[in-house]
Amino acid sequence: MWGLDHRGIARRTIPTMGGGLPGHEKGDGRAVLAVQPDVVLFTAVRFTREPFPADRVAHLPPETLSVSERELLALPEFRQDYRWRSVALQSATLNFFERQVTREAH
């Protein structure tokens, strides 16, 4: 989601470039959504002690979200096609968005 393997994201101009965590400043929510990943992790809340409430994701402080994360949350297609999940692991909870696969009848 930060352009390491996506030319469009890597070459995108970010007005605030140089003011954030190196290697984490670029992104493009539409480009991420276009490849239809099965799972999308939001860095700030990917691991928590307890399940992170779905209704709080959209209210995370903007400075804790990457460009791609902020842009994904603003896209109606993302909100429609992805559901928030929390899965208990042995020592933490993994929180993520999972793509809801819809299959057309042939």
PDB file of N, CA and C in Angstrom:
ATOM      1  N   MET A   1       0.815  -1.198   0.000  1.00  0.00           N
ATOM      2  CA  MET A   1       0.000   0.000   0.000  1.00  0.00           C
ATOM      3  C   MET A   1       0.857   1.261   0.000  1.00  0.00           C
ATOM      4  N   TRP A   2       2.177   1.086   0.055  1.00  0.00           N
ATOM      5  CA  TRP A   2       3.067   2.244   0.105  1.00  0.00           C
ATOM      6  C   TRP A   2       3.928   2.393  -1.134  1.00  0.00           C
ATOM      7  N   GLY A   3       3.688   1.599  -2.163  1.00  0.00           N
ATOM      8  CA  GLY A   3       4.394   1.783  -3.413  1.00  0.00           C
ATOM      9  C   GLY A   3       5.656   0.963  -3.591  1.00  0.00           C
ATOM     10  N   LEU A   4       5.934   0.055  -2.675  1.00  0.00           N
ATOM     11  CA  LEU A   4       7.153  -0.735  -2.818  1.00  0.00           C
ATOM     12  C   LEU A   4       7.125  -1.596  -4.072  1.00  0.00           C
ATOM     13  N   ASP A   5       5.959  -2.040  -4.473  1.00  0.00           N
ATOM     14  CA  ASP A   5       5.870  -2.857  -5.678  1.00  0.00           C
ATOM     15  C   ASP A   5       4.769  -2.362  -6.618  1.00  0.00           C
ATOM     16  N   HIS A   6       4.498  -1.067  -6.562  1.00  0.00           N
ATOM     17  CA  HIS A   6       3.468  -0.477  -7.419  1.00  0.00           C
ATOM     18  C   HIS A   6       4.011   0.834  -7.973  1.00  0.00           C
ATOM     19  N   ARG A   7       4.308   0.844  -9.268  1.00  0.00           N
ATOM     20  CA  ARG A   7       4.928   2.033  -9.875  1.00  0.00           C
ATOM     21  C   ARG A   7       4.095   3.292  -9.705  1.00  0.00           C
ATOM     22  N   GLY A   8       2.775   3.161  -9.878  1.00  0.00           N
ATOM     23  CA  GLY A   8       1.914   4.336  -9.768  1.00  0.00           C
ATOM     24  C   GLY A   8       2.002   4.987  -8.402  1.00  0.00           C
ATOM     25  N   ILE A   9       2.000   4.158  -7.357  1.00  0.00           N
ATOM     26  CA  ILE A   9       2.112   4.689  -5.999  1.00  0.00           C
ATOM     27  C   ILE A   9       3.518   5.230  -5.774  1.00  0.00           C
ATOM     28  N   ALA A  10       4.513   4.491  -6.210  1.00  0.00           N
ATOM     29  CA  ALA A  10       5.899   4.918  -6.007  1.00  0.00           C
ATOM     30  C   ALA A  10       6.184   6.272  -6.657  1.00  0.00           C
ATOM     31  N   ARG A  11       5.534   6.543  -7.779  1.00  0.00           N
ATOM     32  CA  ARG A  11       5.785   7.792  -8.508  1.00  0.00           C
ATOM     33  C   ARG A  11       4.804   8.899  -8.161  1.00  0.00           C
ATOM     34  N   ARG A  12       3.852   8.614  -7.310  1.00  0.00           N
ATOM     35  CA  ARG A  12       2.850   9.622  -6.949  1.00  0.00           C
ATOM     36  C   ARG A  12       3.494  10.749  -6.151  1.00  0.00           C
ATOM     37  N   THR A  13       3.113  11.962  -6.457  1.00  0.00           N
ATOM     38  CA  THR A  13       3.598  13.122  -5.713  1.00  0.00           C
ATOM     39  C   THR A  13       2.730  13.295  -4.476  1.00  0.00           C
ATOM     40  N   ILE A  14       3.374  13.379  -3.338  1.00  0.00           N
ATOM     41  CA  ILE A  14       2.696  13.582  -2.056  1.00  0.00           C
ATOM     42  C   ILE A  14       3.146  14.937  -1.516  1.00  0.00           C
ATOM     43  N   PRO A  15       2.220  15.894  -1.367  1.00  0.00           N
ATOM     44  CA  PRO A  15       2.597  17.250  -0.947  1.00  0.00           C
ATOM     45  C   PRO A  15       3.345  17.310   0.388  1.00  0.00           C
ATOM     46  N   THR A  16       3.062  16.397   1.289  1.00  0.00           N
ATOM     47  CA  THR A  16       3.688  16.437   2.614  1.00  0.00           C
ATOM     48  C   THR A  16       4.919  15.541   2.699  1.00  0.00           C
ATOM     49  N   MET A  17       5.425  15.092   1.563  1.00  0.00           N
ATOM     50  CA  MET A  17       6.566  14.178   1.532  1.00  0.00           C
ATOM     51  C   MET A  17       7.734  14.727   2.329  1.00  0.00           C
ATOM     52  N   GLY A  18       8.308  13.876   3.153  1.00  0.00           N
ATOM     53  CA  GLY A  18       9.446  14.264   3.969  1.00  0.00           C
ATOM     54  C   GLY A  18       9.072  14.597   5.401  1.00  0.00           C
ATOM     55  N   GLY A  19       7.802  14.629   5.686  1.00  0.00           N
ATOM     56  CA  GLY A  19       7.358  14.970   7.038  1.00  0.00           C
ATOM     57  C   GLY A  19       6.893  13.786   7.856  1.00  0.00           C
ATOM     58  N   GLY A  20       6.916  12.598   7.268  1.00  0.00           N
ATOM     59  CA  GLY A  20       6.420  11.417   7.972  1.00  0.00           C
ATOM     60  C   GLY A  20       7.462  10.328   8.082  1.00  0.00           C
ATOM     61  N   LEU A  21       6.998   9.147   8.435  1.00  0.00           N
ATOM     62  CA  LEU A  21       7.878   7.999   8.599  1.00  0.00           C
ATOM     63  C   LEU A  21       8.425   7.568   7.234  1.00  0.00           C
ATOM     64  N   PRO A  22       9.743   7.544   7.066  1.00  0.00           N
ATOM     65  CA  PRO A  22      10.319   7.177   5.779  1.00  0.00           C
ATOM     66  C   PRO A  22       9.806   5.811   5.304  1.00  0.00           C
ATOM     67  N   GLY A  23       9.440   5.760   4.026  1.00  0.00           N
ATOM     68  CA  GLY A  23       8.941   4.519   3.448  1.00  0.00           C
ATOM     69  C   GLY A  23       7.454   4.299   3.642  1.00  0.00           C
ATOM     70  N   HIS A  24       6.805   5.181   4.389  1.00  0.00           N
ATOM     71  CA  HIS A  24       5.382   5.020   4.690  1.00  0.00           C
ATOM     72  C   HIS A  24       4.550   6.230   4.289  1.00  0.00           C
ATOM     73  N   GLU A  25       5.127   7.128   3.528  1.00  0.00           N
ATOM     74  CA  GLU A  25       4.440   8.378   3.223  1.00  0.00           C
ATOM     75  C   GLU A  25       3.593   8.346   1.962  1.00  0.00           C
ATOM     76  N   LYS A  26       3.826   7.390   1.106  1.00  0.00           N
ATOM     77  CA  LYS A  26       3.086   7.344  -0.146  1.00  0.00           C
ATOM     78  C   LYS A  26       1.951   6.336  -0.059  1.00  0.00           C
ATOM     79  N   GLY A  27       1.002   6.504  -0.961  1.00  0.00           N
ATOM     80  CA  GLY A  27      -0.099   5.569  -1.036  1.00  0.00           C
ATOM     81  C   GLY A  27      -1.089   6.027  -2.076  1.00  0.00           C
ATOM     82  N   ASP A  28      -2.069   5.167  -2.348  1.00  0.00           N
ATOM     83  CA  ASP A  28      -3.130   5.494  -3.290  1.00  0.00           C
ATOM     84  C   ASP A  28      -4.260   4.499  -3.056  1.00  0.00           C
ATOM     85  N   GLY A  29      -5.294   4.946  -2.369  1.00  0.00           N
ATOM     86  CA  GLY A  29      -6.403   4.073  -2.024  1.00  0.00           C
ATOM     87  C   GLY A  29      -7.056   3.430  -3.233  1.00  0.00           C
ATOM     88  N   ARG A  30      -7.258   4.195  -4.306  1.00  0.00           N
ATOM     89  CA  ARG A  30      -7.888   3.636  -5.514  1.00  0.00           C
ATOM     90  C   ARG A  30      -7.013   2.563  -6.157  1.00  0.00           C
ATOM     91  N   ALA A  31      -5.715   2.777  -6.176  1.00  0.00           N
ATOM     92  CA  ALA A  31      -4.809   1.781  -6.757  1.00  0.00           C
ATOM     93  C   ALA A  31      -4.822   0.495  -5.936  1.00  0.00           C
ATOM     94  N   VAL A  32      -4.860   0.619  -4.621  1.00  0.00           N
ATOM     95  CA  VAL A  32      -4.934  -0.553  -3.750  1.00  0.00           C
ATOM     96  C   VAL A  32      -6.240  -1.296  -4.009  1.00  0.00           C
ATOM     97  N   LEU A  33      -7.333  -0.575  -4.048  1.00  0.00           N
ATOM     98  CA  LEU A  33      -8.640  -1.195  -4.260  1.00  0.00           C
ATOM     99  C   LEU A  33      -8.727  -1.862  -5.628  1.00  0.00           C
ATOM    100  N   ALA A  34      -8.054  -1.305  -6.618  1.00  0.00           N
ATOM    101  CA  ALA A  34      -8.107  -1.844  -7.973  1.00  0.00           C
ATOM    102  C   ALA A  34      -7.554  -3.263  -8.067  1.00  0.00           C
ATOM    103  N   VAL A  35      -6.623  -3.620  -7.207  1.00  0.00           N
ATOM    104  CA  VAL A  35      -6.067  -4.977  -7.246  1.00  0.00           C
ATOM    105  C   VAL A  35      -6.872  -5.952  -6.392  1.00  0.00           C
ATOM    106  N   GLN A  36      -7.916  -5.479  -5.753  1.00  0.00           N
ATOM    107  CA  GLN A  36      -8.837  -6.288  -4.962  1.00  0.00           C
ATOM    108  C   GLN A  36      -8.129  -7.231  -3.982  1.00  0.00           C
ATOM    109  N   PRO A  37      -7.338  -6.677  -3.069  1.00  0.00           N
ATOM    110  CA  PRO A  37      -6.683  -7.566  -2.100  1.00  0.00           C
ATOM    111  C   PRO A  37      -7.726  -8.278  -1.245  1.00  0.00           C
ATOM    112  N   ASP A  38      -7.439  -9.500  -0.862  1.00  0.00           N
ATOM    113  CA  ASP A  38      -8.358 -10.253  -0.011  1.00  0.00           C
ATOM    114  C   ASP A  38      -8.397  -9.683   1.398  1.00  0.00           C
ATOM    115  N   VAL A  39      -7.253  -9.161   1.839  1.00  0.00           N
ATOM    116  CA  VAL A  39      -7.117  -8.645   3.204  1.00  0.00           C
ATOM    117  C   VAL A  39      -6.403  -7.300   3.160  1.00  0.00           C
ATOM    118  N   VAL A  40      -6.895  -6.344   3.960  1.00  0.00           N
ATOM    119  CA  VAL A  40      -6.246  -5.039   4.103  1.00  0.00           C
ATOM    120  C   VAL A  40      -6.001  -4.813   5.589  1.00  0.00           C
ATOM    121  N   LEU A  41      -4.741  -4.632   5.933  1.00  0.00           N
ATOM    122  CA  LEU A  41      -4.357  -4.355   7.325  1.00  0.00           C
ATOM    123  C   LEU A  41      -4.174  -2.861   7.509  1.00  0.00           C
ATOM    124  N   PHE A  42      -4.724  -2.315   8.556  1.00  0.00           N
ATOM    125  CA  PHE A  42      -4.474  -0.930   8.929  1.00  0.00           C
ATOM    126  C   PHE A  42      -3.414  -0.968  10.025  1.00  0.00           C
ATOM    127  N   THR A  43      -2.282  -0.384   9.747  1.00  0.00           N
ATOM    128  CA  THR A  43      -1.109  -0.513  10.601  1.00  0.00           C
ATOM    129  C   THR A  43      -1.375  -0.224  12.079  1.00  0.00           C
ATOM    130  N   ALA A  44      -2.049   0.870  12.384  1.00  0.00           N
ATOM    131  CA  ALA A  44      -2.217   1.296  13.785  1.00  0.00           C
ATOM    132  C   ALA A  44      -3.026   0.323  14.625  1.00  0.00           C
ATOM    133  N   VAL A  45      -3.887  -0.462  14.004  1.00  0.00           N
ATOM    134  CA  VAL A  45      -4.768  -1.344  14.795  1.00  0.00           C
ATOM    135  C   VAL A  45      -4.741  -2.793  14.307  1.00  0.00           C
ATOM    136  N   ARG A  46      -3.678  -3.168  13.613  1.00  0.00           N
ATOM    137  CA  ARG A  46      -3.658  -4.551  13.107  1.00  0.00           C
ATOM    138  C   ARG A  46      -3.567  -5.561  14.245  1.00  0.00           C
ATOM    139  N   PHE A  47      -2.832  -5.229  15.303  1.00  0.00           N
ATOM    140  CA  PHE A  47      -2.777  -6.096  16.481  1.00  0.00           C
ATOM    141  C   PHE A  47      -3.198  -5.299  17.709  1.00  0.00           C
ATOM    142  N   THR A  48      -4.149  -5.832  18.456  1.00  0.00           N
ATOM    143  CA  THR A  48      -4.595  -5.220  19.700  1.00  0.00           C
ATOM    144  C   THR A  48      -4.817  -6.322  20.727  1.00  0.00           C
ATOM    145  N   ARG A  49      -4.977  -5.926  21.981  1.00  0.00           N
ATOM    146  CA  ARG A  49      -5.243  -6.929  23.032  1.00  0.00           C
ATOM    147  C   ARG A  49      -6.640  -7.514  22.898  1.00  0.00           C
ATOM    148  N   GLU A  50      -7.601  -6.645  22.644  1.00  0.00           N
ATOM    149  CA  GLU A  50      -9.008  -7.033  22.482  1.00  0.00           C
ATOM    150  C   GLU A  50      -9.439  -6.690  21.061  1.00  0.00           C
ATOM    151  N   PRO A  51     -10.549  -7.261  20.581  1.00  0.00           N
ATOM    152  CA  PRO A  51     -11.033  -6.876  19.250  1.00  0.00           C
ATOM    153  C   PRO A  51     -11.237  -5.368  19.167  1.00  0.00           C
ATOM    154  N   PHE A  52     -10.771  -4.791  18.081  1.00  0.00           N
ATOM    155  CA  PHE A  52     -10.938  -3.352  17.878  1.00  0.00           C
ATOM    156  C   PHE A  52     -12.306  -3.139  17.233  1.00  0.00           C
ATOM    157  N   PRO A  53     -13.156  -2.296  17.816  1.00  0.00           N
ATOM    158  CA  PRO A  53     -14.513  -2.108  17.292  1.00  0.00           C
ATOM    159  C   PRO A  53     -14.533  -1.515  15.879  1.00  0.00           C
ATOM    160  N   ALA A  54     -15.334  -2.113  15.025  1.00  0.00           N
ATOM    161  CA  ALA A  54     -15.443  -1.671  13.623  1.00  0.00           C
ATOM    162  C   ALA A  54     -15.844  -0.208  13.514  1.00  0.00           C
ATOM    163  N   ASP A  55     -16.744   0.235  14.384  1.00  0.00           N
ATOM    164  CA  ASP A  55     -17.217   1.618  14.280  1.00  0.00           C
ATOM    165  C   ASP A  55     -16.162   2.643  14.684  1.00  0.00           C
ATOM    166  N   ARG A  56     -15.075   2.204  15.295  1.00  0.00           N
ATOM    167  CA  ARG A  56     -14.007   3.132  15.686  1.00  0.00           C
ATOM    168  C   ARG A  56     -12.944   3.295  14.608  1.00  0.00           C
ATOM    169  N   VAL A  57     -12.919   2.402  13.633  1.00  0.00           N
ATOM    170  CA  VAL A  57     -11.886   2.475  12.592  1.00  0.00           C
ATOM    171  C   VAL A  57     -11.969   3.792  11.833  1.00  0.00           C
ATOM    172  N   ALA A  58     -13.167   4.185  11.444  1.00  0.00           N
ATOM    173  CA  ALA A  58     -13.338   5.430  10.681  1.00  0.00           C
ATOM    174  C   ALA A  58     -13.016   6.671  11.502  1.00  0.00           C
ATOM    175  N   HIS A  59     -12.879   6.512  12.812  1.00  0.00           N
ATOM    176  CA  HIS A  59     -12.609   7.660  13.684  1.00  0.00           C
ATOM    177  C   HIS A  59     -11.188   7.659  14.238  1.00  0.00           C
ATOM    178  N   LEU A  60     -10.330   6.848  13.636  1.00  0.00           N
ATOM    179  CA  LEU A  60      -8.932   6.868  14.060  1.00  0.00           C
ATOM    180  C   LEU A  60      -8.333   8.228  13.709  1.00  0.00           C
ATOM    181  N   PRO A  61      -7.447   8.745  14.534  1.00  0.00           N
ATOM    182  CA  PRO A  61      -6.816  10.033  14.218  1.00  0.00           C
ATOM    183  C   PRO A  61      -6.107   9.959  12.866  1.00  0.00           C
ATOM    184  N   PRO A  62      -6.322  10.939  12.003  1.00  0.00           N
ATOM    185  CA  PRO A  62      -5.716  10.909  10.662  1.00  0.00           C
ATOM    186  C   PRO A  62      -4.211  10.691  10.674  1.00  0.00           C
ATOM    187  N   GLU A  63      -3.544  11.209  11.690  1.00  0.00           N
ATOM    188  CA  GLU A  63      -2.083  11.062  11.732  1.00  0.00           C
ATOM    189  C   GLU A  63      -1.654   9.620  12.006  1.00  0.00           C
ATOM    190  N   THR A  64      -2.569   8.752  12.423  1.00  0.00           N
ATOM    191  CA  THR A  64      -2.230   7.347  12.650  1.00  0.00           C
ATOM    192  C   THR A  64      -2.493   6.491  11.415  1.00  0.00           C
ATOM    193  N   LEU A  65      -3.058   7.099  10.370  1.00  0.00           N
ATOM    194  CA  LEU A  65      -3.399   6.368   9.151  1.00  0.00           C
ATOM    195  C   LEU A  65      -2.464   6.743   8.009  1.00  0.00           C
ATOM    196  N   SER A  66      -2.186   5.773   7.155  1.00  0.00           N
ATOM    197  CA  SER A  66      -1.396   6.054   5.959  1.00  0.00           C
ATOM    198  C   SER A  66      -2.282   6.714   4.906  1.00  0.00           C
ATOM    199  N   VAL A  67      -1.672   7.219   3.858  1.00  0.00           N
ATOM    200  CA  VAL A  67      -2.411   7.834   2.754  1.00  0.00           C
ATOM    201  C   VAL A  67      -3.419   6.831   2.206  1.00  0.00           C
ATOM    202  N   SER A  68      -2.972   5.608   1.922  1.00  0.00           N
ATOM    203  CA  SER A  68      -3.872   4.590   1.376  1.00  0.00           C
ATOM    204  C   SER A  68      -5.015   4.284   2.330  1.00  0.00           C
ATOM    205  N   GLU A  69      -4.719   4.185   3.610  1.00  0.00           N
ATOM    206  CA  GLU A  69      -5.763   3.883   4.602  1.00  0.00           C
ATOM    207  C   GLU A  69      -6.813   4.983   4.643  1.00  0.00           C
ATOM    208  N   ARG A  70      -6.371   6.240   4.677  1.00  0.00           N
ATOM    209  CA  ARG A  70      -7.326   7.357   4.687  1.00  0.00           C
ATOM    210  C   ARG A  70      -8.178   7.365   3.425  1.00  0.00           C
ATOM    211  N   GLU A  71      -7.533   7.155   2.289  1.00  0.00           N
ATOM    212  CA  GLU A  71      -8.266   7.177   1.028  1.00  0.00           C
ATOM    213  C   GLU A  71      -9.223   5.992   0.897  1.00  0.00           C
ATOM    214  N   LEU A  72      -8.811   4.819   1.348  1.00  0.00           N
ATOM    215  CA  LEU A  72      -9.709   3.658   1.306  1.00  0.00           C
ATOM    216  C   LEU A  72     -10.971   3.904   2.120  1.00  0.00           C
ATOM    217  N   LEU A  73     -10.820   4.451   3.314  1.00  0.00           N
ATOM    218  CA  LEU A  73     -11.986   4.712   4.162  1.00  0.00           C
ATOM    219  C   LEU A  73     -12.974   5.669   3.511  1.00  0.00           C
ATOM    220  N   ALA A  74     -12.485   6.533   2.630  1.00  0.00           N
ATOM    221  CA  ALA A  74     -13.348   7.511   1.972  1.00  0.00           C
ATOM    222  C   ALA A  74     -14.050   6.951   0.735  1.00  0.00           C
ATOM    223  N   LEU A  75     -13.653   5.773   0.276  1.00  0.00           N
ATOM    224  CA  LEU A  75     -14.222   5.202  -0.945  1.00  0.00           C
ATOM    225  C   LEU A  75     -15.467   4.367  -0.639  1.00  0.00           C
ATOM    226  N   PRO A  76     -16.603   4.715  -1.225  1.00  0.00           N
ATOM    227  CA  PRO A  76     -17.823   3.927  -1.015  1.00  0.00           C
ATOM    228  C   PRO A  76     -17.643   2.461  -1.417  1.00  0.00           C
ATOM    229  N   GLU A  77     -16.861   2.202  -2.475  1.00  0.00           N
ATOM    230  CA  GLU A  77     -16.642   0.826  -2.921  1.00  0.00           C
ATOM    231  C   GLU A  77     -15.913  -0.001  -1.864  1.00  0.00           C
ATOM    232  N   PHE A  78     -14.994   0.631  -1.174  1.00  0.00           N
ATOM    233  CA  PHE A  78     -14.270  -0.087  -0.122  1.00  0.00           C
ATOM    234  C   PHE A  78     -15.217  -0.439   1.016  1.00  0.00           C
ATOM    235  N   ARG A  79     -16.002   0.526   1.435  1.00  0.00           N
ATOM    236  CA  ARG A  79     -16.949   0.281   2.536  1.00  0.00           C
ATOM    237  C   ARG A  79     -17.986  -0.770   2.148  1.00  0.00           C
ATOM    238  N   GLN A  80     -18.309  -0.851   0.875  1.00  0.00           N
ATOM    239  CA  GLN A  80     -19.294  -1.826   0.407  1.00  0.00           C
ATOM    240  C   GLN A  80     -18.692  -3.233   0.288  1.00  0.00           C
ATOM    241  N   ASP A  81     -17.466  -3.320  -0.206  1.00  0.00           N
ATOM    242  CA  ASP A  81     -16.875  -4.614  -0.538  1.00  0.00           C
ATOM    243  C   ASP A  81     -16.040  -5.253   0.560  1.00  0.00           C
ATOM    244  N   TYR A  82     -15.731  -4.512   1.607  1.00  0.00           N
ATOM    245  CA  TYR A  82     -14.866  -5.039   2.669  1.00  0.00           C
ATOM    246  C   TYR A  82     -15.564  -4.969   4.019  1.00  0.00           C
ATOM    247  N   ARG A  83     -15.333  -5.993   4.832  1.00  0.00           N
ATOM    248  CA  ARG A  83     -15.904  -6.058   6.180  1.00  0.00           C
ATOM    249  C   ARG A  83     -14.774  -6.158   7.199  1.00  0.00           C
ATOM    250  N   TRP A  84     -14.957  -5.488   8.321  1.00  0.00           N
ATOM    251  CA  TRP A  84     -13.987  -5.493   9.416  1.00  0.00           C
ATOM    252  C   TRP A  84     -14.086  -6.816  10.156  1.00  0.00           C
ATOM    253  N   ARG A  85     -12.941  -7.405  10.445  1.00  0.00           N
ATOM    254  CA  ARG A  85     -12.911  -8.658  11.202  1.00  0.00           C
ATOM    255  C   ARG A  85     -11.873  -8.562  12.297  1.00  0.00           C
ATOM    256  N   SER A  86     -12.127  -9.243  13.370  1.00  0.00           N
ATOM    257  CA  SER A  86     -11.170  -9.374  14.467  1.00  0.00           C
ATOM    258  C   SER A  86     -11.080 -10.861  14.792  1.00  0.00           C
ATOM    259  N   VAL A  87      -9.859 -11.368  14.797  1.00  0.00           N
ATOM    260  CA  VAL A  87      -9.637 -12.787  15.037  1.00  0.00           C
ATOM    261  C   VAL A  87      -8.703 -12.935  16.230  1.00  0.00           C
ATOM    262  N   ALA A  88      -9.144 -13.690  17.227  1.00  0.00           N
ATOM    263  CA  ALA A  88      -8.332 -13.921  18.420  1.00  0.00           C
ATOM    264  C   ALA A  88      -7.176 -14.858  18.079  1.00  0.00           C
ATOM    265  N   LEU A  89      -5.986 -14.424  18.421  1.00  0.00           N
ATOM    266  CA  LEU A  89      -4.794 -15.248  18.300  1.00  0.00           C
ATOM    267  C   LEU A  89      -4.370 -15.656  19.707  1.00  0.00           C
ATOM    268  N   GLN A  90      -3.312 -16.360  19.833  1.00  0.00           N
ATOM    269  CA  GLN A  90      -2.884 -16.827  21.149  1.00  0.00           C
ATOM    270  C   GLN A  90      -2.568 -15.682  22.107  1.00  0.00           C
ATOM    271  N   SER A  91      -1.898 -14.634  21.610  1.00  0.00           N
ATOM    272  CA  SER A  91      -1.493 -13.564  22.521  1.00  0.00           C
ATOM    273  C   SER A  91      -1.971 -12.174  22.101  1.00  0.00           C
ATOM    274  N   ALA A  92      -2.820 -12.091  21.089  1.00  0.00           N
ATOM    275  CA  ALA A  92      -3.310 -10.795  20.609  1.00  0.00           C
ATOM    276  C   ALA A  92      -4.551 -11.026  19.748  1.00  0.00           C
ATOM    277  N   THR A  93      -5.101  -9.926  19.272  1.00  0.00           N
ATOM    278  CA  THR A  93      -6.205  -9.993  18.319  1.00  0.00           C
ATOM    279  C   THR A  93      -5.722  -9.377  17.012  1.00  0.00           C
ATOM    280  N   LEU A  94      -5.949 -10.073  15.926  1.00  0.00           N
ATOM    281  CA  LEU A  94      -5.614  -9.568  14.605  1.00  0.00           C
ATOM    282  C   LEU A  94      -6.872  -8.920  14.039  1.00  0.00           C
ATOM    283  N   ASN A  95      -6.762  -7.648  13.665  1.00  0.00           N
ATOM    284  CA  ASN A  95      -7.887  -6.887  13.101  1.00  0.00           C
ATOM    285  C   ASN A  95      -7.572  -6.554  11.652  1.00  0.00           C
ATOM    286  N   PHE A  96      -8.556  -6.698  10.779  1.00  0.00           N
ATOM    287  CA  PHE A  96      -8.313  -6.460   9.365  1.00  0.00           C
ATOM    288  C   PHE A  96      -9.628  -6.301   8.608  1.00  0.00           C
ATOM    289  N   PHE A  97      -9.511  -5.767   7.408  1.00  0.00           N
ATOM    290  CA  PHE A  97     -10.641  -5.727   6.489  1.00  0.00           C
ATOM    291  C   PHE A  97     -10.504  -6.935   5.568  1.00  0.00           C
ATOM    292  N   GLU A  98     -11.609  -7.626   5.353  1.00  0.00           N
ATOM    293  CA  GLU A  98     -11.621  -8.778   4.462  1.00  0.00           C
ATOM    294  C   GLU A  98     -12.580  -8.508   3.312  1.00  0.00           C
ATOM    295  N   ARG A  99     -12.109  -8.800   2.114  1.00  0.00           N
ATOM    296  CA  ARG A  99     -12.957  -8.601   0.941  1.00  0.00           C
ATOM    297  C   ARG A  99     -14.079  -9.626   0.937  1.00  0.00           C
ATOM    298  N   GLN A 100     -15.274  -9.141   0.687  1.00  0.00           N
ATOM    299  CA  GLN A 100     -16.443 -10.002   0.586  1.00  0.00           C
ATOM    300  C   GLN A 100     -16.557 -10.456  -0.852  1.00  0.00           C
ATOM    301  N   VAL A 101     -16.246 -11.701  -1.099  1.00  0.00           N
ATOM    302  CA  VAL A 101     -16.219 -12.234  -2.456  1.00  0.00           C
ATOM    303  C   VAL A 101     -17.642 -12.514  -2.916  1.00  0.00           C
ATOM    304  N   THR A 102     -17.978 -11.924  -4.025  1.00  0.00           N
ATOM    305  CA  THR A 102     -19.268 -12.216  -4.637  1.00  0.00           C
ATOM    306  C   THR A 102     -18.987 -12.891  -5.973  1.00  0.00           C
ATOM    307  N   ARG A 103     -19.621 -13.993  -6.182  1.00  0.00           N
ATOM    308  CA  ARG A 103     -19.397 -14.755  -7.411  1.00  0.00           C
ATOM    309  C   ARG A 103     -20.647 -14.685  -8.276  1.00  0.00           C
ATOM    310  N   GLU A 104     -20.415 -14.379  -9.540  1.00  0.00           N
ATOM    311  CA  GLU A 104     -21.532 -14.326 -10.480  1.00  0.00           C
ATOM    312  C   GLU A 104     -21.829 -15.741 -10.971  1.00  0.00           C
ATOM    313  N   ALA A 105     -23.103 -16.036 -11.120  1.00  0.00           N
ATOM    314  CA  ALA A 105     -23.507 -17.344 -11.650  1.00  0.00           C
ATOM    315  C   ALA A 105     -23.199 -17.398 -13.135  1.00  0.00           C
ATOM    316  N   HIS A 106     -22.674 -18.519 -13.572  1.00  0.00           N
ATOM    317  CA  HIS A 106     -22.347 -18.693 -15.002  1.00  0.00           C
ATOM    318  C   HIS A 106     -23.329 -19.644 -15.631  1.00  0.00           C
TER     319      HIS A 106
END
